[in-house]
Amino acid sequence: MATRSMQQWFDAYGVSHKNPTNKAIHWICVPIIYFCVVGFLYSIPMPEAPPFSSAHLLARAAIGLVTIFYVRISFPIMIGMLLWSVLCYVLCSYIDLVAPWPLWAICSVLFVLAWIGQFYGHKVEGAKPSFLHDLQFLMIGPAWLMGFIYRRFGVPY
């Protein structure tokens, strides 16, 4: 099976993301969902295993796997998504320290609200979410937004 280029992934994803309202909703909800997934994984306690810290190991491992997924398709997009992933991880660390509620609880509320927004956007669009056809589109959505940022600044991907 041939590997799709990043542009081919973006084109396929874009088929069900043409409506301006749906696009605007995606600009808000997709980054929130991505952050929440990092937050959920960050929140899972892991036993300490000296000499290396296993704290938040699942979040760090997931970021590593996500990086591998993206590098197979586009090195420049992988760089952007790695930076976004690290920002999410750092934000989780900060929220975990200062928030009056547990990170997992904050992420739970945001995750549900963001998915409600996503499905509303697709109702407005009149098209089913792409991930219902191929689960890999769950990874393409955040990259699709990164692609807009890259094009805005003339960064090839």
C-alpha atoms as a PDB file:
ATOM      1  CA  MET A   1       0.000   0.000   0.000  1.00  0.00           C
ATOM      2  CA  ALA A   2       1.457   3.362  -1.034  1.00  0.00           C
ATOM      3  CA  THR A   3       1.940   6.059   1.560  1.00  0.00           C
ATOM      4  CA  ARG A   4       0.012   9.264   1.012  1.00  0.00           C
ATOM      5  CA  SER A   5       1.860  12.547   0.881  1.00  0.00           C
ATOM      6  CA  MET A   6       0.977  15.196   3.443  1.00  0.00           C
ATOM      7  CA  GLN A   7      -0.854  17.176   0.759  1.00  0.00           C
ATOM      8  CA  GLN A   8      -2.881  14.091  -0.212  1.00  0.00           C
ATOM      9  CA  TRP A   9      -3.875  13.636   3.432  1.00  0.00           C
ATOM     10  CA  PHE A  10      -4.815  17.325   3.666  1.00  0.00           C
ATOM     11  CA  ASP A  11      -6.831  17.166   0.448  1.00  0.00           C
ATOM     12  CA  ALA A  12      -8.750  14.098   1.643  1.00  0.00           C
ATOM     13  CA  TYR A  13      -9.382  15.705   5.048  1.00  0.00           C
ATOM     14  CA  GLY A  14     -10.442  18.968   3.445  1.00  0.00           C
ATOM     15  CA  VAL A  15     -13.296  17.309   1.538  1.00  0.00           C
ATOM     16  CA  SER A  16     -15.430  17.308   4.701  1.00  0.00           C
ATOM     17  CA  HIS A  17     -14.059  20.623   6.013  1.00  0.00           C
ATOM     18  CA  LYS A  18     -15.144  23.314   3.544  1.00  0.00           C
ATOM     19  CA  ASN A  19     -17.787  25.198   5.492  1.00  0.00           C
ATOM     20  CA  PRO A  20     -16.336  28.334   7.164  1.00  0.00           C
ATOM     21  CA  THR A  21     -18.238  27.675  10.411  1.00  0.00           C
ATOM     22  CA  ASN A  22     -16.980  24.108  10.584  1.00  0.00           C
ATOM     23  CA  LYS A  23     -13.439  25.280   9.876  1.00  0.00           C
ATOM     24  CA  ALA A  24     -13.643  27.923  12.619  1.00  0.00           C
ATOM     25  CA  ILE A  25     -14.938  25.329  15.074  1.00  0.00           C
ATOM     26  CA  HIS A  26     -12.055  23.043  14.142  1.00  0.00           C
ATOM     27  CA  TRP A  27      -9.531  25.810  14.871  1.00  0.00           C
ATOM     28  CA  ILE A  28     -10.839  25.869  18.446  1.00  0.00           C
ATOM     29  CA  CYS A  29     -11.832  22.275  19.113  1.00  0.00           C
ATOM     30  CA  VAL A  30      -9.041  20.252  17.461  1.00  0.00           C
ATOM     31  CA  PRO A  31      -6.237  21.839  19.521  1.00  0.00           C
ATOM     32  CA  ILE A  32      -8.338  21.435  22.688  1.00  0.00           C
ATOM     33  CA  ILE A  33      -8.935  17.746  21.967  1.00  0.00           C
ATOM     34  CA  TYR A  34      -5.246  17.197  21.250  1.00  0.00           C
ATOM     35  CA  PHE A  35      -4.309  18.962  24.498  1.00  0.00           C
ATOM     36  CA  CYS A  36      -6.844  16.880  26.422  1.00  0.00           C
ATOM     37  CA  VAL A  37      -5.436  13.601  25.115  1.00  0.00           C
ATOM     38  CA  VAL A  38      -1.988  14.676  26.301  1.00  0.00           C
ATOM     39  CA  GLY A  39      -3.582  15.737  29.604  1.00  0.00           C
ATOM     40  CA  PHE A  40      -5.345  12.402  30.096  1.00  0.00           C
ATOM     41  CA  LEU A  41      -2.131  10.487  29.474  1.00  0.00           C
ATOM     42  CA  TYR A  42      -0.184  12.910  31.676  1.00  0.00           C
ATOM     43  CA  SER A  43      -2.675  12.250  34.499  1.00  0.00           C
ATOM     44  CA  ILE A  44      -2.222   8.475  34.598  1.00  0.00           C
ATOM     45  CA  PRO A  45       0.014   7.693  37.576  1.00  0.00           C
ATOM     46  CA  MET A  46       2.997   5.470  36.943  1.00  0.00           C
ATOM     47  CA  PRO A  47       5.202   3.838  39.568  1.00  0.00           C
ATOM     48  CA  GLU A  48       8.670   5.325  39.909  1.00  0.00           C
ATOM     49  CA  ALA A  49      11.478   3.173  38.522  1.00  0.00           C
ATOM     50  CA  PRO A  50      14.938   4.475  39.466  1.00  0.00           C
ATOM     51  CA  PRO A  51      17.263   5.616  38.050  1.00  0.00           C
ATOM     52  CA  PHE A  52      14.857   7.057  35.465  1.00  0.00           C
ATOM     53  CA  SER A  53      11.668   8.899  36.279  1.00  0.00           C
ATOM     54  CA  SER A  54       8.605   7.185  34.900  1.00  0.00           C
ATOM     55  CA  ALA A  55       6.385  10.116  35.893  1.00  0.00           C
ATOM     56  CA  HIS A  56       4.093  10.997  33.024  1.00  0.00           C
ATOM     57  CA  LEU A  57       5.675   8.233  30.950  1.00  0.00           C
ATOM     58  CA  LEU A  58       2.505   7.565  28.962  1.00  0.00           C
ATOM     59  CA  ALA A  59       2.252  11.178  27.799  1.00  0.00           C
ATOM     60  CA  ARG A  60       5.923  11.220  26.806  1.00  0.00           C
ATOM     61  CA  ALA A  61       5.605   7.856  25.017  1.00  0.00           C
ATOM     62  CA  ALA A  62       2.513   9.040  23.132  1.00  0.00           C
ATOM     63  CA  ILE A  63       4.341  12.181  22.008  1.00  0.00           C
ATOM     64  CA  GLY A  64       7.142   9.942  20.746  1.00  0.00           C
ATOM     65  CA  LEU A  65       4.702   7.740  18.816  1.00  0.00           C
ATOM     66  CA  VAL A  66       2.920  10.770  17.373  1.00  0.00           C
ATOM     67  CA  THR A  67       6.290  12.122  16.253  1.00  0.00           C
ATOM     68  CA  ILE A  68       7.010   8.833  14.464  1.00  0.00           C
ATOM     69  CA  PHE A  69       3.599   8.966  12.754  1.00  0.00           C
ATOM     70  CA  TYR A  70       4.228  12.470  11.408  1.00  0.00           C
ATOM     71  CA  VAL A  71       7.875  11.995  10.394  1.00  0.00           C
ATOM     72  CA  ARG A  72       6.796   9.158   8.080  1.00  0.00           C
ATOM     73  CA  ILE A  73       4.685  11.667   6.140  1.00  0.00           C
ATOM     74  CA  SER A  74       6.383  15.059   6.518  1.00  0.00           C
ATOM     75  CA  PHE A  75       9.466  16.103   8.473  1.00  0.00           C
ATOM     76  CA  PRO A  76       8.446  19.810   8.597  1.00  0.00           C
ATOM     77  CA  ILE A  77       4.942  18.960   9.869  1.00  0.00           C
ATOM     78  CA  MET A  78       6.530  16.606  12.405  1.00  0.00           C
ATOM     79  CA  ILE A  79       8.626  19.497  13.758  1.00  0.00           C
ATOM     80  CA  GLY A  80       5.548  21.700  14.175  1.00  0.00           C
ATOM     81  CA  MET A  81       3.505  18.937  15.771  1.00  0.00           C
ATOM     82  CA  LEU A  82       6.374  18.020  18.099  1.00  0.00           C
ATOM     83  CA  LEU A  83       6.575  21.647  19.240  1.00  0.00           C
ATOM     84  CA  TRP A  84       2.790  21.706  19.745  1.00  0.00           C
ATOM     85  CA  SER A  85       2.970  18.405  21.671  1.00  0.00           C
ATOM     86  CA  VAL A  86       5.722  19.706  23.940  1.00  0.00           C
ATOM     87  CA  LEU A  87       3.736  22.898  24.544  1.00  0.00           C
ATOM     88  CA  CYS A  88       0.720  20.772  25.515  1.00  0.00           C
ATOM     89  CA  TYR A  89       2.910  18.700  27.854  1.00  0.00           C
ATOM     90  CA  VAL A  90       4.353  21.824  29.518  1.00  0.00           C
ATOM     91  CA  LEU A  91       0.872  23.318  29.857  1.00  0.00           C
ATOM     92  CA  CYS A  92      -0.324  20.080  31.469  1.00  0.00           C
ATOM     93  CA  SER A  93       2.568  20.275  33.915  1.00  0.00           C
ATOM     94  CA  TYR A  94       1.675  23.852  34.797  1.00  0.00           C
ATOM     95  CA  ILE A  95      -2.047  23.178  35.162  1.00  0.00           C
ATOM     96  CA  ASP A  96      -1.295  20.094  37.262  1.00  0.00           C
ATOM     97  CA  LEU A  97       0.680  22.299  39.666  1.00  0.00           C
ATOM     98  CA  VAL A  98      -1.609  25.318  39.982  1.00  0.00           C
ATOM     99  CA  ALA A  99      -5.188  24.319  39.133  1.00  0.00           C
ATOM    100  CA  PRO A 100      -7.650  23.815  41.967  1.00  0.00           C
ATOM    101  CA  TRP A 101      -9.057  20.762  40.148  1.00  0.00           C
ATOM    102  CA  PRO A 102      -7.264  17.659  38.891  1.00  0.00           C
ATOM    103  CA  LEU A 103      -5.911  17.887  35.345  1.00  0.00           C
ATOM    104  CA  TRP A 104      -7.935  14.834  34.287  1.00  0.00           C
ATOM    105  CA  ALA A 105     -11.162  16.528  35.435  1.00  0.00           C
ATOM    106  CA  ILE A 106     -10.376  19.727  33.533  1.00  0.00           C
ATOM    107  CA  CYS A 107      -9.518  17.687  30.437  1.00  0.00           C
ATOM    108  CA  SER A 108     -12.715  15.644  30.776  1.00  0.00           C
ATOM    109  CA  VAL A 109     -14.923  18.735  30.624  1.00  0.00           C
ATOM    110  CA  LEU A 110     -12.940  20.334  27.802  1.00  0.00           C
ATOM    111  CA  PHE A 111     -12.807  17.061  25.831  1.00  0.00           C
ATOM    112  CA  VAL A 112     -16.581  16.556  25.938  1.00  0.00           C
ATOM    113  CA  LEU A 113     -17.300  20.188  25.037  1.00  0.00           C
ATOM    114  CA  ALA A 114     -14.787  20.119  22.178  1.00  0.00           C
ATOM    115  CA  TRP A 115     -16.281  16.944  20.707  1.00  0.00           C
ATOM    116  CA  ILE A 116     -19.758  18.447  20.943  1.00  0.00           C
ATOM    117  CA  GLY A 117     -18.373  21.390  19.002  1.00  0.00           C
ATOM    118  CA  GLN A 118     -16.766  19.097  16.427  1.00  0.00           C
ATOM    119  CA  PHE A 119     -19.980  17.190  15.778  1.00  0.00           C
ATOM    120  CA  TYR A 120     -21.950  20.430  15.594  1.00  0.00           C
ATOM    121  CA  GLY A 121     -19.455  21.693  13.007  1.00  0.00           C
ATOM    122  CA  HIS A 122     -19.949  18.569  10.942  1.00  0.00           C
ATOM    123  CA  LYS A 123     -23.729  18.924  11.234  1.00  0.00           C
ATOM    124  CA  VAL A 124     -23.363  22.445   9.802  1.00  0.00           C
ATOM    125  CA  GLU A 125     -20.986  21.063   7.155  1.00  0.00           C
ATOM    126  CA  GLY A 126     -23.419  18.308   6.240  1.00  0.00           C
ATOM    127  CA  ALA A 127     -20.592  15.753   6.162  1.00  0.00           C
ATOM    128  CA  LYS A 128     -19.479  13.061   8.559  1.00  0.00           C
ATOM    129  CA  PRO A 129     -16.130  13.476  10.313  1.00  0.00           C
ATOM    130  CA  SER A 130     -13.241  12.048   8.291  1.00  0.00           C
ATOM    131  CA  PHE A 131     -12.097   9.747  11.080  1.00  0.00           C
ATOM    132  CA  LEU A 132     -15.261   7.677  10.625  1.00  0.00           C
ATOM    133  CA  HIS A 133     -13.714   6.550   7.323  1.00  0.00           C
ATOM    134  CA  ASP A 134     -10.120   6.177   8.547  1.00  0.00           C
ATOM    135  CA  LEU A 135      -8.946   6.579  12.153  1.00  0.00           C
ATOM    136  CA  GLN A 136      -5.669   8.068  10.928  1.00  0.00           C
ATOM    137  CA  PHE A 137      -7.624  11.255  10.235  1.00  0.00           C
ATOM    138  CA  LEU A 138      -7.645  11.818  14.012  1.00  0.00           C
ATOM    139  CA  MET A 139      -3.932  12.529  13.568  1.00  0.00           C
ATOM    140  CA  ILE A 140      -4.380  14.464  10.327  1.00  0.00           C
ATOM    141  CA  GLY A 141      -6.792  17.032  11.816  1.00  0.00           C
ATOM    142  CA  PRO A 142      -4.159  18.754  13.979  1.00  0.00           C
ATOM    143  CA  ALA A 143      -1.609  18.547  11.154  1.00  0.00           C
ATOM    144  CA  TRP A 144      -4.168  20.032   8.746  1.00  0.00           C
ATOM    145  CA  LEU A 145      -4.338  23.118  10.956  1.00  0.00           C
ATOM    146  CA  MET A 146      -0.526  23.181  11.150  1.00  0.00           C
ATOM    147  CA  GLY A 147      -0.529  23.077   7.334  1.00  0.00           C
ATOM    148  CA  PHE A 148      -2.550  26.312   7.239  1.00  0.00           C
ATOM    149  CA  ILE A 149      -0.010  27.973   9.537  1.00  0.00           C
ATOM    150  CA  TYR A 150       2.861  26.724   7.372  1.00  0.00           C
ATOM    151  CA  ARG A 151       1.239  27.995   4.168  1.00  0.00           C
ATOM    152  CA  ARG A 152       0.560  31.383   5.800  1.00  0.00           C
ATOM    153  CA  PHE A 153       4.263  31.783   6.533  1.00  0.00           C
ATOM    154  CA  GLY A 154       5.490  30.132   3.322  1.00  0.00           C
ATOM    155  CA  VAL A 155       6.937  27.071   5.064  1.00  0.00           C
ATOM    156  CA  PRO A 156       6.973  24.053   2.723  1.00  0.00           C
ATOM    157  CA  TYR A 157       5.825  20.715   4.049  1.00  0.00           C
END
